[in-house]
């Protein structure tokens, strides 16, 4: 994968919190994870915006009849 070097000014506490959440000291990994989450969230938001409730299926009850039950 081709990478692009960037320079960014970020809130140091927010960056530290993100690194702690990912258990990583790698700023690039944290920024890539953040960008992945942003892209996924925006694609989902755009998809939902483009589809009305009428287009979406209703709730489907799962078939639990084959599950082993205890007590």
PDB file of N, CA and C in Angstrom:
ATOM      1  N   UNK A   1       0.838  -1.165   0.000  1.00  0.00           N
ATOM      2  CA  UNK A   1       0.000   0.000   0.000  1.00  0.00           C
ATOM      3  C   UNK A   1       0.891   1.239   0.000  1.00  0.00           C
ATOM      4  N   UNK A   2       0.565   2.180  -0.859  1.00  0.00           N
ATOM      5  CA  UNK A   2       1.283   3.445  -0.896  1.00  0.00           C
ATOM      6  C   UNK A   2       0.813   4.281   0.289  1.00  0.00           C
ATOM      7  N   UNK A   3       1.749   4.904   0.941  1.00  0.00           N
ATOM      8  CA  UNK A   3       1.414   5.723   2.105  1.00  0.00           C
ATOM      9  C   UNK A   3       1.698   7.175   1.791  1.00  0.00           C
ATOM     10  N   UNK A   4       0.990   8.053   2.469  1.00  0.00           N
ATOM     11  CA  UNK A   4       1.185   9.486   2.312  1.00  0.00           C
ATOM     12  C   UNK A   4       1.577  10.074   3.651  1.00  0.00           C
ATOM     13  N   UNK A   5       2.650  10.807   3.668  1.00  0.00           N
ATOM     14  CA  UNK A   5       3.106  11.449   4.893  1.00  0.00           C
ATOM     15  C   UNK A   5       2.301  12.721   5.097  1.00  0.00           C
ATOM     16  N   UNK A   6       1.826  12.913   6.326  1.00  0.00           N
ATOM     17  CA  UNK A   6       1.049  14.109   6.640  1.00  0.00           C
ATOM     18  C   UNK A   6       1.624  14.783   7.884  1.00  0.00           C
ATOM     19  N   UNK A   7       1.240  15.997   8.053  1.00  0.00           N
ATOM     20  CA  UNK A   7       1.557  16.720   9.266  1.00  0.00           C
ATOM     21  C   UNK A   7       0.216  17.166   9.832  1.00  0.00           C
ATOM     22  N   UNK A   8      -0.004  16.901  11.097  1.00  0.00           N
ATOM     23  CA  UNK A   8      -1.293  17.246  11.694  1.00  0.00           C
ATOM     24  C   UNK A   8      -1.084  17.751  13.108  1.00  0.00           C
ATOM     25  N   UNK A   9      -1.933  18.654  13.489  1.00  0.00           N
ATOM     26  CA  UNK A   9      -1.942  19.136  14.856  1.00  0.00           C
ATOM     27  C   UNK A   9      -3.178  18.566  15.521  1.00  0.00           C
ATOM     28  N   UNK A  10      -2.963  17.799  16.578  1.00  0.00           N
ATOM     29  CA  UNK A  10      -4.092  17.144  17.244  1.00  0.00           C
ATOM     30  C   UNK A  10      -4.056  17.436  18.736  1.00  0.00           C
ATOM     31  N   UNK A  11      -5.179  17.231  19.369  1.00  0.00           N
ATOM     32  CA  UNK A  11      -5.281  17.370  20.818  1.00  0.00           C
ATOM     33  C   UNK A  11      -4.450  16.250  21.445  1.00  0.00           C
ATOM     34  N   UNK A  12      -3.425  16.569  22.222  1.00  0.00           N
ATOM     35  CA  UNK A  12      -2.550  15.530  22.760  1.00  0.00           C
ATOM     36  C   UNK A  12      -3.266  14.553  23.688  1.00  0.00           C
ATOM     37  N   UNK A  13      -4.245  15.013  24.438  1.00  0.00           N
ATOM     38  CA  UNK A  13      -4.968  14.107  25.326  1.00  0.00           C
ATOM     39  C   UNK A  13      -5.858  13.155  24.530  1.00  0.00           C
ATOM     40  N   UNK A  14      -6.486  13.675  23.480  1.00  0.00           N
ATOM     41  CA  UNK A  14      -7.329  12.819  22.629  1.00  0.00           C
ATOM     42  C   UNK A  14      -6.471  11.753  21.954  1.00  0.00           C
ATOM     43  N   UNK A  15      -5.275  12.137  21.493  1.00  0.00           N
ATOM     44  CA  UNK A  15      -4.373  11.168  20.881  1.00  0.00           C
ATOM     45  C   UNK A  15      -3.932  10.129  21.901  1.00  0.00           C
ATOM     46  N   UNK A  16      -3.597  10.564  23.106  1.00  0.00           N
ATOM     47  CA  UNK A  16      -3.197   9.625  24.163  1.00  0.00           C
ATOM     48  C   UNK A  16      -4.334   8.670  24.501  1.00  0.00           C
ATOM     49  N   UNK A  17      -5.557   9.193  24.563  1.00  0.00           N
ATOM     50  CA  UNK A  17      -6.719   8.338  24.848  1.00  0.00           C
ATOM     51  C   UNK A  17      -6.910   7.296  23.748  1.00  0.00           C
ATOM     52  N   UNK A  18      -6.766   7.729  22.491  1.00  0.00           N
ATOM     53  CA  UNK A  18      -6.928   6.810  21.359  1.00  0.00           C
ATOM     54  C   UNK A  18      -5.845   5.740  21.376  1.00  0.00           C
ATOM     55  N   UNK A  19      -4.616   6.140  21.671  1.00  0.00           N
ATOM     56  CA  UNK A  19      -3.525   5.168  21.745  1.00  0.00           C
ATOM     57  C   UNK A  19      -3.784   4.159  22.861  1.00  0.00           C
ATOM     58  N   UNK A  20      -4.288   4.632  23.986  1.00  0.00           N
ATOM     59  CA  UNK A  20      -4.589   3.735  25.105  1.00  0.00           C
ATOM     60  C   UNK A  20      -5.704   2.761  24.731  1.00  0.00           C
ATOM     61  N   UNK A  21      -6.729   3.255  24.055  1.00  0.00           N
ATOM     62  CA  UNK A  21      -7.836   2.384  23.644  1.00  0.00           C
ATOM     63  C   UNK A  21      -7.372   1.292  22.693  1.00  0.00           C
ATOM     64  N   UNK A  22      -6.427   1.621  21.825  1.00  0.00           N
ATOM     65  CA  UNK A  22      -5.918   0.643  20.863  1.00  0.00           C
ATOM     66  C   UNK A  22      -4.697  -0.104  21.381  1.00  0.00           C
ATOM     67  N   UNK A  23      -4.261   0.232  22.581  1.00  0.00           N
ATOM     68  CA  UNK A  23      -3.040  -0.370  23.148  1.00  0.00           C
ATOM     69  C   UNK A  23      -1.886  -0.261  22.155  1.00  0.00           C
ATOM     70  N   UNK A  24      -1.718   0.941  21.625  1.00  0.00           N
ATOM     71  CA  UNK A  24      -0.691   1.154  20.612  1.00  0.00           C
ATOM     72  C   UNK A  24      -0.019   2.499  20.828  1.00  0.00           C
ATOM     73  N   UNK A  25       1.292   2.526  20.632  1.00  0.00           N
ATOM     74  CA  UNK A  25       2.021   3.788  20.655  1.00  0.00           C
ATOM     75  C   UNK A  25       2.241   4.310  19.239  1.00  0.00           C
ATOM     76  N   UNK A  26       1.717   3.601  18.258  1.00  0.00           N
ATOM     77  CA  UNK A  26       1.924   3.934  16.857  1.00  0.00           C
ATOM     78  C   UNK A  26       0.863   4.944  16.411  1.00  0.00           C
ATOM     79  N   UNK A  27       1.284   6.191  16.250  1.00  0.00           N
ATOM     80  CA  UNK A  27       0.348   7.248  15.854  1.00  0.00           C
ATOM     81  C   UNK A  27      -0.283   6.960  14.498  1.00  0.00           C
ATOM     82  N   UNK A  28       0.494   6.428  13.562  1.00  0.00           N
ATOM     83  CA  UNK A  28      -0.048   6.113  12.237  1.00  0.00           C
ATOM     84  C   UNK A  28      -1.160   5.075  12.332  1.00  0.00           C
ATOM     85  N   UNK A  29      -0.973   4.062  13.166  1.00  0.00           N
ATOM     86  CA  UNK A  29      -2.007   3.031  13.332  1.00  0.00           C
ATOM     87  C   UNK A  29      -3.277   3.628  13.930  1.00  0.00           C
ATOM     88  N   UNK A  30      -3.101   4.529  14.889  1.00  0.00           N
ATOM     89  CA  UNK A  30      -4.256   5.175  15.514  1.00  0.00           C
ATOM     90  C   UNK A  30      -4.998   6.037  14.489  1.00  0.00           C
ATOM     91  N   UNK A  31      -4.262   6.816  13.712  1.00  0.00           N
ATOM     92  CA  UNK A  31      -4.900   7.657  12.700  1.00  0.00           C
ATOM     93  C   UNK A  31      -5.572   6.815  11.619  1.00  0.00           C
ATOM     94  N   UNK A  32      -4.953   5.712  11.210  1.00  0.00           N
ATOM     95  CA  UNK A  32      -5.580   4.831  10.219  1.00  0.00           C
ATOM     96  C   UNK A  32      -6.868   4.221  10.768  1.00  0.00           C
ATOM     97  N   UNK A  33      -6.865   3.812  12.029  1.00  0.00           N
ATOM     98  CA  UNK A  33      -8.076   3.264  12.643  1.00  0.00           C
ATOM     99  C   UNK A  33      -9.178   4.323  12.702  1.00  0.00           C
ATOM    100  N   UNK A  34      -8.787   5.551  13.029  1.00  0.00           N
ATOM    101  CA  UNK A  34      -9.762   6.642  13.089  1.00  0.00           C
ATOM    102  C   UNK A  34     -10.338   6.936  11.710  1.00  0.00           C
ATOM    103  N   UNK A  35      -9.482   6.949  10.686  1.00  0.00           N
ATOM    104  CA  UNK A  35      -9.960   7.186   9.326  1.00  0.00           C
ATOM    105  C   UNK A  35     -10.876   6.055   8.855  1.00  0.00           C
ATOM    106  N   UNK A  36     -10.520   4.808   9.179  1.00  0.00           N
ATOM    107  CA  UNK A  36     -11.380   3.671   8.829  1.00  0.00           C
ATOM    108  C   UNK A  36     -12.758   3.822   9.463  1.00  0.00           C
ATOM    109  N   UNK A  37     -12.787   4.193  10.741  1.00  0.00           N
ATOM    110  CA  UNK A  37     -14.061   4.360  11.452  1.00  0.00           C
ATOM    111  C   UNK A  37     -14.875   5.500  10.850  1.00  0.00           C
ATOM    112  N   UNK A  38     -14.216   6.591  10.500  1.00  0.00           N
ATOM    113  CA  UNK A  38     -14.905   7.729   9.892  1.00  0.00           C
ATOM    114  C   UNK A  38     -15.514   7.354   8.548  1.00  0.00           C
ATOM    115  N   UNK A  39     -14.735   6.682   7.712  1.00  0.00           N
ATOM    116  CA  UNK A  39     -15.227   6.280   6.391  1.00  0.00           C
ATOM    117  C   UNK A  39     -16.419   5.334   6.543  1.00  0.00           C
ATOM    118  N   UNK A  40     -16.310   4.354   7.430  1.00  0.00           N
ATOM    119  CA  UNK A  40     -17.403   3.406   7.629  1.00  0.00           C
ATOM    120  C   UNK A  40     -18.660   4.114   8.134  1.00  0.00           C
ATOM    121  N   UNK A  41     -18.502   5.010   9.108  1.00  0.00           N
ATOM    122  CA  UNK A  41     -19.645   5.729   9.662  1.00  0.00           C
ATOM    123  C   UNK A  41     -20.322   6.591   8.606  1.00  0.00           C
ATOM    124  N   UNK A  42     -19.526   7.286   7.802  1.00  0.00           N
ATOM    125  CA  UNK A  42     -20.107   8.163   6.786  1.00  0.00           C
ATOM    126  C   UNK A  42     -20.770   7.379   5.660  1.00  0.00           C
ATOM    127  N   UNK A  43     -20.170   6.261   5.254  1.00  0.00           N
ATOM    128  CA  UNK A  43     -20.814   5.429   4.222  1.00  0.00           C
ATOM    129  C   UNK A  43     -22.145   4.888   4.730  1.00  0.00           C
ATOM    130  N   UNK A  44     -22.167   4.466   5.985  1.00  0.00           N
ATOM    131  CA  UNK A  44     -23.404   3.963   6.575  1.00  0.00           C
ATOM    132  C   UNK A  44     -24.444   5.084   6.662  1.00  0.00           C
ATOM    133  N   UNK A  45     -24.031   6.274   7.095  1.00  0.00           N
ATOM    134  CA  UNK A  45     -24.952   7.404   7.194  1.00  0.00           C
ATOM    135  C   UNK A  45     -25.518   7.755   5.823  1.00  0.00           C
ATOM    136  N   UNK A  46     -24.658   7.785   4.808  1.00  0.00           N
ATOM    137  CA  UNK A  46     -25.116   8.108   3.459  1.00  0.00           C
ATOM    138  C   UNK A  46     -26.065   7.040   2.920  1.00  0.00           C
ATOM    139  N   UNK A  47     -25.765   5.767   3.206  1.00  0.00           N
ATOM    140  CA  UNK A  47     -26.644   4.697   2.744  1.00  0.00           C
ATOM    141  C   UNK A  47     -28.014   4.822   3.404  1.00  0.00           C
ATOM    142  N   UNK A  48     -28.014   5.044   4.714  1.00  0.00           N
ATOM    143  CA  UNK A  48     -29.283   5.170   5.423  1.00  0.00           C
ATOM    144  C   UNK A  48     -30.066   6.398   4.958  1.00  0.00           C
ATOM    145  N   UNK A  49     -29.362   7.464   4.654  1.00  0.00           N
ATOM    146  CA  UNK A  49     -30.006   8.676   4.161  1.00  0.00           C
ATOM    147  C   UNK A  49     -30.656   8.433   2.797  1.00  0.00           C
ATOM    148  N   UNK A  50     -30.050   7.579   1.999  1.00  0.00           N
ATOM    149  CA  UNK A  50     -30.552   7.309   0.650  1.00  0.00           C
ATOM    150  C   UNK A  50     -31.693   6.298   0.621  1.00  0.00           C
ATOM    151  N   UNK A  51     -31.905   5.577   1.714  1.00  0.00           N
ATOM    152  CA  UNK A  51     -32.936   4.548   1.752  1.00  0.00           C
ATOM    153  C   UNK A  51     -33.986   4.913   2.794  1.00  0.00           C
ATOM    154  N   UNK A  52     -35.215   4.939   2.356  1.00  0.00           N
ATOM    155  CA  UNK A  52     -36.302   5.256   3.282  1.00  0.00           C
ATOM    156  C   UNK A  52     -36.625   4.037   4.133  1.00  0.00           C
ATOM    157  N   UNK A  53     -37.373   4.265   5.202  1.00  0.00           N
ATOM    158  CA  UNK A  53     -37.791   3.149   6.059  1.00  0.00           C
ATOM    159  C   UNK A  53     -38.597   2.124   5.284  1.00  0.00           C
ATOM    160  N   UNK A  54     -39.303   2.565   4.270  1.00  0.00           N
ATOM    161  CA  UNK A  54     -40.102   1.641   3.468  1.00  0.00           C
ATOM    162  C   UNK A  54     -39.218   0.660   2.703  1.00  0.00           C
ATOM    163  N   UNK A  55     -37.983   1.058   2.412  1.00  0.00           N
ATOM    164  CA  UNK A  55     -37.058   0.185   1.678  1.00  0.00           C
ATOM    165  C   UNK A  55     -36.433  -0.887   2.568  1.00  0.00           C
ATOM    166  N   UNK A  56     -36.469  -0.653   3.880  1.00  0.00           N
ATOM    167  CA  UNK A  56     -35.768  -1.543   4.798  1.00  0.00           C
ATOM    168  C   UNK A  56     -36.692  -2.663   5.268  1.00  0.00           C
ATOM    169  N   UNK A  57     -36.131  -3.864   5.461  1.00  0.00           N
ATOM    170  CA  UNK A  57     -36.969  -4.968   5.948  1.00  0.00           C
ATOM    171  C   UNK A  57     -37.342  -4.738   7.408  1.00  0.00           C
ATOM    172  N   UNK A  58     -38.455  -5.321   7.798  1.00  0.00           N
ATOM    173  CA  UNK A  58     -38.859  -5.238   9.196  1.00  0.00           C
ATOM    174  C   UNK A  58     -38.003  -6.157  10.046  1.00  0.00           C
ATOM    175  N   UNK A  59     -38.250  -6.129  11.327  1.00  0.00           N
ATOM    176  CA  UNK A  59     -37.484  -6.984  12.233  1.00  0.00           C
ATOM    177  C   UNK A  59     -37.876  -8.442  12.001  1.00  0.00           C
ATOM    178  N   UNK A  60     -36.878  -9.292  11.956  1.00  0.00           N
ATOM    179  CA  UNK A  60     -37.103 -10.716  11.741  1.00  0.00           C
ATOM    180  C   UNK A  60     -36.763 -11.438  13.032  1.00  0.00           C
ATOM    181  N   UNK A  61     -37.742 -12.187  13.552  1.00  0.00           N
ATOM    182  CA  UNK A  61     -37.504 -12.940  14.787  1.00  0.00           C
ATOM    183  C   UNK A  61     -36.599 -14.130  14.475  1.00  0.00           C
ATOM    184  N   UNK A  62     -35.544 -14.333  15.241  1.00  0.00           N
ATOM    185  CA  UNK A  62     -34.640 -15.458  14.987  1.00  0.00           C
ATOM    186  C   UNK A  62     -35.297 -16.778  15.381  1.00  0.00           C
ATOM    187  N   UNK A  63     -34.949 -17.842  14.668  1.00  0.00           N
ATOM    188  CA  UNK A  63     -35.433 -19.188  14.992  1.00  0.00           C
ATOM    189  C   UNK A  63     -34.499 -19.788  16.030  1.00  0.00           C
ATOM    190  N   UNK A  64     -34.968 -19.905  17.252  1.00  0.00           N
ATOM    191  CA  UNK A  64     -34.157 -20.418  18.352  1.00  0.00           C
ATOM    192  C   UNK A  64     -34.489 -21.870  18.690  1.00  0.00           C
ATOM    193  N   UNK A  65     -35.293 -22.505  17.854  1.00  0.00           N
ATOM    194  CA  UNK A  65     -35.782 -23.845  18.161  1.00  0.00           C
ATOM    195  C   UNK A  65     -34.674 -24.894  18.222  1.00  0.00           C
ATOM    196  N   UNK A  66     -33.567 -24.696  17.511  1.00  0.00           N
ATOM    197  CA  UNK A  66     -32.484 -25.697  17.492  1.00  0.00           C
ATOM    198  C   UNK A  66     -31.434 -25.478  18.564  1.00  0.00           C
ATOM    199  N   UNK A  67     -31.561 -24.432  19.354  1.00  0.00           N
ATOM    200  CA  UNK A  67     -30.567 -24.157  20.386  1.00  0.00           C
ATOM    201  C   UNK A  67     -30.756 -25.076  21.585  1.00  0.00           C
ATOM    202  N   UNK A  68     -29.670 -25.557  22.152  1.00  0.00           N
ATOM    203  CA  UNK A  68     -29.798 -26.390  23.363  1.00  0.00           C
ATOM    204  C   UNK A  68     -30.170 -25.512  24.545  1.00  0.00           C
ATOM    205  N   UNK A  69     -31.204 -25.897  25.242  1.00  0.00           N
ATOM    206  CA  UNK A  69     -31.665 -25.139  26.399  1.00  0.00           C
ATOM    207  C   UNK A  69     -31.339 -25.880  27.671  1.00  0.00           C
ATOM    208  N   UNK A  70     -30.884 -25.190  28.648  1.00  0.00           N
ATOM    209  CA  UNK A  70     -30.610 -25.774  29.967  1.00  0.00           C
ATOM    210  C   UNK A  70     -31.582 -25.182  30.945  1.00  0.00           C
ATOM    211  N   UNK A  71     -32.259 -26.047  31.665  1.00  0.00           N
ATOM    212  CA  UNK A  71     -33.258 -25.626  32.650  1.00  0.00           C
ATOM    213  C   UNK A  71     -34.284 -24.747  32.013  1.00  0.00           C
TER     214      UNK A  71
END
